[in-house]
Amino acid sequence: MARQSVWAPKVAALIQGGNSMAAIAQIKVAPTVKDLQALRTLLSAAKLLTSHPNVDAATSDMIAELSAPRLHRSP
């Protein structure tokens, strides 16, 4: 069985605490698309996406970047 990731609740707690710049820094180094989608689900349930449009844009951008095929992968 797979372990649940604790990344999304931790980043959501950063946003709820008012530290959206630290949250955006964490979003830019997000582990997977699944974690980003879980974060968006948590934020939309707490109605934080509308009050933090920069976080909304950052999560959308990173989902698009992580979903796209890469031309070069490091070894």
PDB file of N, CA and C in Angstrom:
ATOM      1  N   MET A   1       0.819  -1.178   0.000  1.00  0.00           N
ATOM      2  CA  MET A   1       0.000   0.000   0.000  1.00  0.00           C
ATOM      3  C   MET A   1       0.872   1.253   0.000  1.00  0.00           C
ATOM      4  N   ALA A   2       0.448   2.241  -0.756  1.00  0.00           N
ATOM      5  CA  ALA A   2       1.216   3.474  -0.856  1.00  0.00           C
ATOM      6  C   ALA A   2       0.930   4.376   0.344  1.00  0.00           C
ATOM      7  N   ARG A   3       1.978   5.065   0.782  1.00  0.00           N
ATOM      8  CA  ARG A   3       1.810   6.027   1.879  1.00  0.00           C
ATOM      9  C   ARG A   3       1.191   7.307   1.355  1.00  0.00           C
ATOM     10  N   GLN A   4       0.376   7.908   2.158  1.00  0.00           N
ATOM     11  CA  GLN A   4      -0.194   9.195   1.803  1.00  0.00           C
ATOM     12  C   GLN A   4       0.879  10.268   1.934  1.00  0.00           C
ATOM     13  N   SER A   5       0.906  11.157   0.974  1.00  0.00           N
ATOM     14  CA  SER A   5       1.867  12.252   1.009  1.00  0.00           C
ATOM     15  C   SER A   5       1.380  13.330   1.968  1.00  0.00           C
ATOM     16  N   VAL A   6       2.297  13.863   2.743  1.00  0.00           N
ATOM     17  CA  VAL A   6       1.946  14.935   3.682  1.00  0.00           C
ATOM     18  C   VAL A   6       2.332  16.304   3.119  1.00  0.00           C
ATOM     19  N   TRP A   7       2.779  16.331   1.874  1.00  0.00           N
ATOM     20  CA  TRP A   7       3.226  17.578   1.265  1.00  0.00           C
ATOM     21  C   TRP A   7       2.077  18.577   1.120  1.00  0.00           C
ATOM     22  N   ALA A   8       0.956  18.144   0.571  1.00  0.00           N
ATOM     23  CA  ALA A   8      -0.155  19.061   0.310  1.00  0.00           C
ATOM     24  C   ALA A   8      -0.707  19.707   1.587  1.00  0.00           C
ATOM     25  N   PRO A   9      -0.964  18.961   2.660  1.00  0.00           N
ATOM     26  CA  PRO A   9      -1.454  19.633   3.877  1.00  0.00           C
ATOM     27  C   PRO A   9      -0.449  20.620   4.477  1.00  0.00           C
ATOM     28  N   LYS A  10       0.831  20.324   4.350  1.00  0.00           N
ATOM     29  CA  LYS A  10       1.848  21.239   4.882  1.00  0.00           C
ATOM     30  C   LYS A  10       1.874  22.548   4.094  1.00  0.00           C
ATOM     31  N   VAL A  11       1.783  22.455   2.777  1.00  0.00           N
ATOM     32  CA  VAL A  11       1.789  23.667   1.953  1.00  0.00           C
ATOM     33  C   VAL A  11       0.488  24.450   2.165  1.00  0.00           C
ATOM     34  N   ALA A  12      -0.627  23.735   2.318  1.00  0.00           N
ATOM     35  CA  ALA A  12      -1.898  24.404   2.598  1.00  0.00           C
ATOM     36  C   ALA A  12      -1.823  25.141   3.938  1.00  0.00           C
ATOM     37  N   ALA A  13      -1.137  24.566   4.915  1.00  0.00           N
ATOM     38  CA  ALA A  13      -0.978  25.224   6.213  1.00  0.00           C
ATOM     39  C   ALA A  13      -0.145  26.500   6.076  1.00  0.00           C
ATOM     40  N   LEU A  14       0.857  26.486   5.198  1.00  0.00           N
ATOM     41  CA  LEU A  14       1.636  27.699   4.941  1.00  0.00           C
ATOM     42  C   LEU A  14       0.743  28.818   4.407  1.00  0.00           C
ATOM     43  N   ILE A  15      -0.137  28.460   3.485  1.00  0.00           N
ATOM     44  CA  ILE A  15      -1.016  29.460   2.879  1.00  0.00           C
ATOM     45  C   ILE A  15      -2.018  29.974   3.910  1.00  0.00           C
ATOM     46  N   GLN A  16      -2.572  29.074   4.694  1.00  0.00           N
ATOM     47  CA  GLN A  16      -3.527  29.483   5.722  1.00  0.00           C
ATOM     48  C   GLN A  16      -2.859  30.369   6.769  1.00  0.00           C
ATOM     49  N   GLY A  17      -1.571  30.143   7.008  1.00  0.00           N
ATOM     50  CA  GLY A  17      -0.835  30.966   7.964  1.00  0.00           C
ATOM     51  C   GLY A  17      -0.414  32.305   7.409  1.00  0.00           C
ATOM     52  N   GLY A  18      -0.645  32.529   6.119  1.00  0.00           N
ATOM     53  CA  GLY A  18      -0.333  33.824   5.521  1.00  0.00           C
ATOM     54  C   GLY A  18       1.026  33.900   4.855  1.00  0.00           C
ATOM     55  N   ASN A  19       1.725  32.800   4.737  1.00  0.00           N
ATOM     56  CA  ASN A  19       3.051  32.800   4.134  1.00  0.00           C
ATOM     57  C   ASN A  19       2.958  32.231   2.711  1.00  0.00           C
ATOM     58  N   SER A  20       2.304  32.973   1.835  1.00  0.00           N
ATOM     59  CA  SER A  20       2.088  32.477   0.476  1.00  0.00           C
ATOM     60  C   SER A  20       3.369  32.449  -0.357  1.00  0.00           C
ATOM     61  N   MET A  21       4.341  33.297  -0.049  1.00  0.00           N
ATOM     62  CA  MET A  21       5.603  33.279  -0.810  1.00  0.00           C
ATOM     63  C   MET A  21       6.369  31.981  -0.543  1.00  0.00           C
ATOM     64  N   ALA A  22       6.374  31.510   0.685  1.00  0.00           N
ATOM     65  CA  ALA A  22       7.021  30.231   0.999  1.00  0.00           C
ATOM     66  C   ALA A  22       6.259  29.085   0.346  1.00  0.00           C
ATOM     67  N   ALA A  23       4.939  29.194   0.299  1.00  0.00           N
ATOM     68  CA  ALA A  23       4.128  28.161  -0.340  1.00  0.00           C
ATOM     69  C   ALA A  23       4.415  28.096  -1.837  1.00  0.00           C
ATOM     70  N   ILE A  24       4.563  29.248  -2.469  1.00  0.00           N
ATOM     71  CA  ILE A  24       4.867  29.274  -3.902  1.00  0.00           C
ATOM     72  C   ILE A  24       6.242  28.668  -4.163  1.00  0.00           C
ATOM     73  N   ALA A  25       7.190  28.927  -3.287  1.00  0.00           N
ATOM     74  CA  ALA A  25       8.514  28.310  -3.432  1.00  0.00           C
ATOM     75  C   ALA A  25       8.411  26.784  -3.338  1.00  0.00           C
ATOM     76  N   GLN A  26       7.563  26.288  -2.449  1.00  0.00           N
ATOM     77  CA  GLN A  26       7.359  24.842  -2.335  1.00  0.00           C
ATOM     78  C   GLN A  26       6.615  24.286  -3.546  1.00  0.00           C
ATOM     79  N   ILE A  27       5.680  25.058  -4.078  1.00  0.00           N
ATOM     80  CA  ILE A  27       4.920  24.620  -5.250  1.00  0.00           C
ATOM     81  C   ILE A  27       5.847  24.469  -6.454  1.00  0.00           C
ATOM     82  N   LYS A  28       6.844  25.350  -6.564  1.00  0.00           N
ATOM     83  CA  LYS A  28       7.773  25.285  -7.694  1.00  0.00           C
ATOM     84  C   LYS A  28       8.652  24.044  -7.663  1.00  0.00           C
ATOM     85  N   VAL A  29       8.798  23.418  -6.503  1.00  0.00           N
ATOM     86  CA  VAL A  29       9.587  22.189  -6.397  1.00  0.00           C
ATOM     87  C   VAL A  29       8.701  21.012  -5.977  1.00  0.00           C
ATOM     88  N   ALA A  30       7.447  21.061  -6.404  1.00  0.00           N
ATOM     89  CA  ALA A  30       6.479  20.026  -6.029  1.00  0.00           C
ATOM     90  C   ALA A  30       6.937  18.657  -6.533  1.00  0.00           C
ATOM     91  N   PRO A  31       6.718  17.620  -5.726  1.00  0.00           N
ATOM     92  CA  PRO A  31       7.173  16.292  -6.112  1.00  0.00           C
ATOM     93  C   PRO A  31       6.427  15.692  -7.302  1.00  0.00           C
ATOM     94  N   THR A  32       5.099  15.779  -7.318  1.00  0.00           N
ATOM     95  CA  THR A  32       4.331  15.151  -8.401  1.00  0.00           C
ATOM     96  C   THR A  32       3.091  15.981  -8.732  1.00  0.00           C
ATOM     97  N   VAL A  33       2.499  15.652  -9.863  1.00  0.00           N
ATOM     98  CA  VAL A  33       1.249  16.287 -10.266  1.00  0.00           C
ATOM     99  C   VAL A  33       0.139  15.903  -9.288  1.00  0.00           C
ATOM    100  N   LYS A  34       0.170  14.667  -8.824  1.00  0.00           N
ATOM    101  CA  LYS A  34      -0.843  14.193  -7.874  1.00  0.00           C
ATOM    102  C   LYS A  34      -0.829  15.045  -6.597  1.00  0.00           C
ATOM    103  N   ASP A  35       0.354  15.400  -6.122  1.00  0.00           N
ATOM    104  CA  ASP A  35       0.456  16.250  -4.932  1.00  0.00           C
ATOM    105  C   ASP A  35      -0.101  17.646  -5.195  1.00  0.00           C
ATOM    106  N   LEU A  36       0.174  18.190  -6.370  1.00  0.00           N
ATOM    107  CA  LEU A  36      -0.348  19.509  -6.719  1.00  0.00           C
ATOM    108  C   LEU A  36      -1.870  19.489  -6.828  1.00  0.00           C
ATOM    109  N   GLN A  37      -2.412  18.425  -7.390  1.00  0.00           N
ATOM    110  CA  GLN A  37      -3.862  18.316  -7.490  1.00  0.00           C
ATOM    111  C   GLN A  37      -4.490  18.171  -6.108  1.00  0.00           C
ATOM    112  N   ALA A  38      -3.825  17.444  -5.220  1.00  0.00           N
ATOM    113  CA  ALA A  38      -4.326  17.316  -3.849  1.00  0.00           C
ATOM    114  C   ALA A  38      -4.301  18.674  -3.149  1.00  0.00           C
ATOM    115  N   LEU A  39      -3.255  19.458  -3.406  1.00  0.00           N
ATOM    116  CA  LEU A  39      -3.171  20.799  -2.828  1.00  0.00           C
ATOM    117  C   LEU A  39      -4.299  21.683  -3.338  1.00  0.00           C
ATOM    118  N   ARG A  40      -4.549  21.645  -4.643  1.00  0.00           N
ATOM    119  CA  ARG A  40      -5.642  22.448  -5.205  1.00  0.00           C
ATOM    120  C   ARG A  40      -6.990  22.032  -4.623  1.00  0.00           C
ATOM    121  N   THR A  41      -7.168  20.736  -4.374  1.00  0.00           N
ATOM    122  CA  THR A  41      -8.409  20.258  -3.768  1.00  0.00           C
ATOM    123  C   THR A  41      -8.566  20.800  -2.353  1.00  0.00           C
ATOM    124  N   LEU A  42      -7.484  20.756  -1.583  1.00  0.00           N
ATOM    125  CA  LEU A  42      -7.530  21.285  -0.215  1.00  0.00           C
ATOM    126  C   LEU A  42      -7.807  22.788  -0.201  1.00  0.00           C
ATOM    127  N   LEU A  43      -7.153  23.508  -1.097  1.00  0.00           N
ATOM    128  CA  LEU A  43      -7.315  24.961  -1.132  1.00  0.00           C
ATOM    129  C   LEU A  43      -8.700  25.370  -1.620  1.00  0.00           C
ATOM    130  N   SER A  44      -9.239  24.633  -2.581  1.00  0.00           N
ATOM    131  CA  SER A  44     -10.580  24.983  -3.058  1.00  0.00           C
ATOM    132  C   SER A  44     -11.631  24.649  -2.007  1.00  0.00           C
ATOM    133  N   ALA A  45     -11.418  23.588  -1.232  1.00  0.00           N
ATOM    134  CA  ALA A  45     -12.359  23.255  -0.158  1.00  0.00           C
ATOM    135  C   ALA A  45     -12.345  24.326   0.927  1.00  0.00           C
ATOM    136  N   ALA A  46     -11.167  24.909   1.180  1.00  0.00           N
ATOM    137  CA  ALA A  46     -11.041  25.964   2.199  1.00  0.00           C
ATOM    138  C   ALA A  46     -11.292  27.360   1.620  1.00  0.00           C
ATOM    139  N   LYS A  47     -11.624  27.426   0.314  1.00  0.00           N
ATOM    140  CA  LYS A  47     -11.883  28.685  -0.388  1.00  0.00           C
ATOM    141  C   LYS A  47     -10.692  29.646  -0.312  1.00  0.00           C
ATOM    142  N   LEU A  48      -9.493  29.081  -0.431  1.00  0.00           N
ATOM    143  CA  LEU A  48      -8.285  29.900  -0.396  1.00  0.00           C
ATOM    144  C   LEU A  48      -7.767  30.254  -1.786  1.00  0.00           C
ATOM    145  N   LEU A  49      -8.210  29.521  -2.817  1.00  0.00           N
ATOM    146  CA  LEU A  49      -7.739  29.825  -4.171  1.00  0.00           C
ATOM    147  C   LEU A  49      -8.230  31.188  -4.644  1.00  0.00           C
ATOM    148  N   THR A  50      -9.428  31.575  -4.241  1.00  0.00           N
ATOM    149  CA  THR A  50      -9.951  32.871  -4.688  1.00  0.00           C
ATOM    150  C   THR A  50      -9.271  34.031  -3.981  1.00  0.00           C
ATOM    151  N   SER A  51      -8.857  33.815  -2.738  1.00  0.00           N
ATOM    152  CA  SER A  51      -8.208  34.908  -2.003  1.00  0.00           C
ATOM    153  C   SER A  51      -6.702  34.983  -2.271  1.00  0.00           C
ATOM    154  N   HIS A  52      -6.135  33.952  -2.896  1.00  0.00           N
ATOM    155  CA  HIS A  52      -4.706  33.936  -3.236  1.00  0.00           C
ATOM    156  C   HIS A  52      -4.546  33.600  -4.726  1.00  0.00           C
ATOM    157  N   PRO A  53      -4.776  34.578  -5.610  1.00  0.00           N
ATOM    158  CA  PRO A  53      -4.683  34.287  -7.049  1.00  0.00           C
ATOM    159  C   PRO A  53      -3.272  33.919  -7.502  1.00  0.00           C
ATOM    160  N   ASN A  54      -2.243  34.391  -6.799  1.00  0.00           N
ATOM    161  CA  ASN A  54      -0.875  34.026  -7.187  1.00  0.00           C
ATOM    162  C   ASN A  54      -0.596  32.547  -6.908  1.00  0.00           C
ATOM    163  N   VAL A  55      -1.174  32.005  -5.866  1.00  0.00           N
ATOM    164  CA  VAL A  55      -1.027  30.573  -5.561  1.00  0.00           C
ATOM    165  C   VAL A  55      -1.813  29.757  -6.584  1.00  0.00           C
ATOM    166  N   ASP A  56      -2.981  30.248  -6.957  1.00  0.00           N
ATOM    167  CA  ASP A  56      -3.797  29.586  -7.974  1.00  0.00           C
ATOM    168  C   ASP A  56      -3.027  29.488  -9.287  1.00  0.00           C
ATOM    169  N   ALA A  57      -2.420  30.584  -9.689  1.00  0.00           N
ATOM    170  CA  ALA A  57      -1.652  30.603 -10.942  1.00  0.00           C
ATOM    171  C   ALA A  57      -0.425  29.702 -10.851  1.00  0.00           C
ATOM    172  N   ALA A  58       0.255  29.711  -9.717  1.00  0.00           N
ATOM    173  CA  ALA A  58       1.458  28.890  -9.553  1.00  0.00           C
ATOM    174  C   ALA A  58       1.128  27.409  -9.620  1.00  0.00           C
ATOM    175  N   THR A  59       0.037  27.000  -8.974  1.00  0.00           N
ATOM    176  CA  THR A  59      -0.320  25.574  -9.017  1.00  0.00           C
ATOM    177  C   THR A  59      -0.733  25.161 -10.425  1.00  0.00           C
ATOM    178  N   SER A  60      -1.493  26.000 -11.107  1.00  0.00           N
ATOM    179  CA  SER A  60      -1.911  25.683 -12.481  1.00  0.00           C
ATOM    180  C   SER A  60      -0.699  25.574 -13.405  1.00  0.00           C
ATOM    181  N   ASP A  61       0.237  26.514 -13.275  1.00  0.00           N
ATOM    182  CA  ASP A  61       1.433  26.502 -14.117  1.00  0.00           C
ATOM    183  C   ASP A  61       2.286  25.255 -13.867  1.00  0.00           C
ATOM    184  N   MET A  62       2.452  24.894 -12.612  1.00  0.00           N
ATOM    185  CA  MET A  62       3.301  23.737 -12.301  1.00  0.00           C
ATOM    186  C   MET A  62       2.641  22.419 -12.705  1.00  0.00           C
ATOM    187  N   ILE A  63       1.325  22.340 -12.636  1.00  0.00           N
ATOM    188  CA  ILE A  63       0.640  21.134 -13.124  1.00  0.00           C
ATOM    189  C   ILE A  63       0.875  21.002 -14.619  1.00  0.00           C
ATOM    190  N   ALA A  64       0.787  22.107 -15.340  1.00  0.00           N
ATOM    191  CA  ALA A  64       1.026  22.077 -16.788  1.00  0.00           C
ATOM    192  C   ALA A  64       2.467  21.695 -17.099  1.00  0.00           C
ATOM    193  N   GLU A  65       3.411  22.240 -16.346  1.00  0.00           N
ATOM    194  CA  GLU A  65       4.821  21.941 -16.594  1.00  0.00           C
ATOM    195  C   GLU A  65       5.170  20.499 -16.264  1.00  0.00           C
ATOM    196  N   LEU A  66       4.656  19.986 -15.168  1.00  0.00           N
ATOM    197  CA  LEU A  66       4.966  18.609 -14.795  1.00  0.00           C
ATOM    198  C   LEU A  66       4.231  17.592 -15.662  1.00  0.00           C
ATOM    199  N   SER A  67       3.121  17.985 -16.273  1.00  0.00           N
ATOM    200  CA  SER A  67       2.357  17.073 -17.123  1.00  0.00           C
ATOM    201  C   SER A  67       2.932  16.982 -18.525  1.00  0.00           C
ATOM    202  N   ALA A  68       3.621  18.018 -18.947  1.00  0.00           N
ATOM    203  CA  ALA A  68       4.150  18.061 -20.312  1.00  0.00           C
ATOM    204  C   ALA A  68       5.343  17.111 -20.460  1.00  0.00           C
ATOM    205  N   PRO A  69       5.484  16.533 -21.644  1.00  0.00           N
ATOM    206  CA  PRO A  69       6.666  15.681 -21.865  1.00  0.00           C
ATOM    207  C   PRO A  69       7.939  16.528 -21.881  1.00  0.00           C
ATOM    208  N   ARG A  70       8.990  15.978 -21.410  1.00  0.00           N
ATOM    209  CA  ARG A  70      10.259  16.703 -21.341  1.00  0.00           C
ATOM    210  C   ARG A  70      11.141  16.300 -22.509  1.00  0.00           C
ATOM    211  N   LEU A  71      11.874  17.266 -23.018  1.00  0.00           N
ATOM    212  CA  LEU A  71      12.772  16.984 -24.120  1.00  0.00           C
ATOM    213  C   LEU A  71      14.060  16.331 -23.630  1.00  0.00           C
ATOM    214  N   HIS A  72      14.494  16.665 -22.434  1.00  0.00           N
ATOM    215  CA  HIS A  72      15.726  16.115 -21.901  1.00  0.00           C
ATOM    216  C   HIS A  72      15.546  15.811 -20.424  1.00  0.00           C
ATOM    217  N   ARG A  73      15.963  14.669 -20.024  1.00  0.00           N
ATOM    218  CA  ARG A  73      15.911  14.279 -18.616  1.00  0.00           C
ATOM    219  C   ARG A  73      17.326  14.036 -18.127  1.00  0.00           C
ATOM    220  N   SER A  74      17.612  14.478 -16.946  1.00  0.00           N
ATOM    221  CA  SER A  74      18.933  14.230 -16.395  1.00  0.00           C
ATOM    222  C   SER A  74      19.060  12.760 -16.009  1.00  0.00           C
ATOM    223  N   PRO A  75      20.267  12.266 -16.046  1.00  0.00           N
ATOM    224  CA  PRO A  75      20.457  10.842 -15.706  1.00  0.00           C
ATOM    225  C   PRO A  75      20.269  10.557 -14.246  1.00  0.00           C
TER     226      PRO A  75
END
